[in-house]
N, C-alpha and C. Protein backbone atom coordinates (compact mmCIF):
# COMPACT_ATOMS: atom_id res chain seq x y z
N ASP A 1 8.05 6.37 -3.86
CA ASP A 1 9.09 6.38 -4.87
C ASP A 1 8.99 5.14 -5.75
N ALA A 2 9.29 5.29 -7.01
CA ALA A 2 9.20 4.19 -7.95
C ALA A 2 10.16 3.08 -7.59
N GLY A 3 9.69 1.85 -7.65
CA GLY A 3 10.53 0.70 -7.43
C GLY A 3 10.67 0.25 -5.99
N LEU A 4 10.07 0.96 -5.05
CA LEU A 4 10.16 0.55 -3.66
C LEU A 4 9.20 -0.59 -3.38
N GLY A 5 9.61 -1.49 -2.50
CA GLY A 5 8.76 -2.63 -2.17
C GLY A 5 8.29 -2.57 -0.73
N PHE A 6 7.06 -2.95 -0.51
CA PHE A 6 6.46 -2.97 0.82
C PHE A 6 5.72 -4.29 1.00
N THR A 7 5.54 -4.71 2.24
CA THR A 7 4.73 -5.88 2.55
C THR A 7 3.30 -5.43 2.80
N ILE A 8 2.35 -6.00 2.05
CA ILE A 8 0.94 -5.64 2.21
C ILE A 8 0.34 -6.49 3.32
N TYR A 9 -0.29 -5.83 4.29
CA TYR A 9 -0.92 -6.54 5.40
C TYR A 9 -2.44 -6.58 5.29
N ALA A 10 -3.02 -5.60 4.61
CA ALA A 10 -4.48 -5.57 4.49
C ALA A 10 -4.88 -4.61 3.39
N LYS A 11 -6.06 -4.86 2.82
CA LYS A 11 -6.68 -3.90 1.91
C LYS A 11 -7.85 -3.30 2.68
N VAL A 12 -7.85 -1.98 2.82
CA VAL A 12 -8.86 -1.30 3.64
C VAL A 12 -9.52 -0.20 2.82
N ASN A 13 -10.69 0.24 3.28
CA ASN A 13 -11.36 1.38 2.67
C ASN A 13 -11.23 2.58 3.59
N VAL A 14 -10.73 3.69 3.06
CA VAL A 14 -10.59 4.93 3.81
C VAL A 14 -11.45 5.97 3.10
N ASN A 15 -12.53 6.38 3.75
CA ASN A 15 -13.48 7.33 3.15
C ASN A 15 -13.93 6.87 1.77
N GLY A 16 -14.16 5.57 1.61
CA GLY A 16 -14.64 5.02 0.34
C GLY A 16 -13.57 4.74 -0.69
N SER A 17 -12.31 5.01 -0.37
CA SER A 17 -11.21 4.77 -1.31
C SER A 17 -10.41 3.55 -0.88
N PRO A 18 -10.20 2.59 -1.79
CA PRO A 18 -9.43 1.40 -1.41
C PRO A 18 -7.95 1.74 -1.24
N GLN A 19 -7.38 1.27 -0.14
CA GLN A 19 -5.97 1.49 0.14
C GLN A 19 -5.36 0.22 0.72
N TYR A 20 -4.04 0.11 0.58
CA TYR A 20 -3.31 -0.99 1.19
C TYR A 20 -2.63 -0.51 2.46
N LYS A 21 -2.75 -1.30 3.53
CA LYS A 21 -1.98 -1.06 4.74
C LYS A 21 -0.68 -1.83 4.55
N VAL A 22 0.45 -1.12 4.52
CA VAL A 22 1.73 -1.74 4.21
C VAL A 22 2.76 -1.43 5.28
N HIS A 23 3.79 -2.28 5.34
CA HIS A 23 4.93 -2.07 6.23
C HIS A 23 6.19 -2.04 5.38
N ASN A 24 7.13 -1.15 5.75
CA ASN A 24 8.41 -1.15 5.06
C ASN A 24 9.39 -2.05 5.80
N SER A 25 10.63 -2.09 5.35
CA SER A 25 11.63 -2.99 5.95
C SER A 25 11.99 -2.60 7.38
N LYS A 26 11.68 -1.36 7.78
CA LYS A 26 11.97 -0.91 9.15
C LYS A 26 10.77 -1.10 10.07
N GLY A 27 9.67 -1.69 9.55
CA GLY A 27 8.50 -1.96 10.36
C GLY A 27 7.54 -0.79 10.49
N LYS A 28 7.78 0.30 9.76
CA LYS A 28 6.90 1.46 9.81
C LYS A 28 5.66 1.19 8.96
N THR A 29 4.49 1.61 9.44
CA THR A 29 3.22 1.36 8.75
C THR A 29 2.82 2.57 7.91
N TYR A 30 2.36 2.29 6.69
CA TYR A 30 1.88 3.33 5.78
C TYR A 30 0.58 2.85 5.14
N TYR A 31 -0.18 3.79 4.62
CA TYR A 31 -1.36 3.48 3.82
C TYR A 31 -1.13 4.07 2.43
N VAL A 32 -1.24 3.24 1.40
CA VAL A 32 -1.02 3.69 0.02
C VAL A 32 -2.23 3.34 -0.83
N THR A 33 -2.43 4.09 -1.89
CA THR A 33 -3.57 3.85 -2.77
C THR A 33 -3.53 2.44 -3.35
N ALA A 34 -4.69 1.87 -3.56
CA ALA A 34 -4.79 0.55 -4.19
C ALA A 34 -5.12 0.70 -5.68
N ASN A 35 -5.10 1.93 -6.18
CA ASN A 35 -5.40 2.21 -7.58
C ASN A 35 -4.35 1.54 -8.48
N VAL A 36 -4.80 0.70 -9.41
CA VAL A 36 -3.89 -0.05 -10.27
C VAL A 36 -3.08 0.85 -11.20
N ALA A 37 -3.49 2.09 -11.38
CA ALA A 37 -2.72 3.02 -12.20
C ALA A 37 -1.42 3.43 -11.51
N TYR A 38 -1.35 3.26 -10.19
CA TYR A 38 -0.19 3.71 -9.42
C TYR A 38 0.56 2.59 -8.70
N VAL A 39 -0.11 1.45 -8.47
CA VAL A 39 0.47 0.39 -7.67
C VAL A 39 0.48 -0.91 -8.45
N TYR A 40 1.63 -1.58 -8.45
CA TYR A 40 1.76 -2.90 -9.07
C TYR A 40 1.97 -3.91 -7.95
N VAL A 41 1.10 -4.91 -7.88
CA VAL A 41 1.19 -5.93 -6.84
C VAL A 41 1.70 -7.22 -7.46
N LYS A 42 2.77 -7.75 -6.89
CA LYS A 42 3.38 -8.99 -7.38
C LYS A 42 2.94 -10.15 -6.56
């Protein structure tokens, strides 16, 4: 969802695609695209 913030723990490659390993405020782990068209890193 737009505007949500996550803590980035690592940048990984999944099947050749760069992704960020992130945690939300509840400690749940997700993998999101590292494509700059979709993700803004502050």
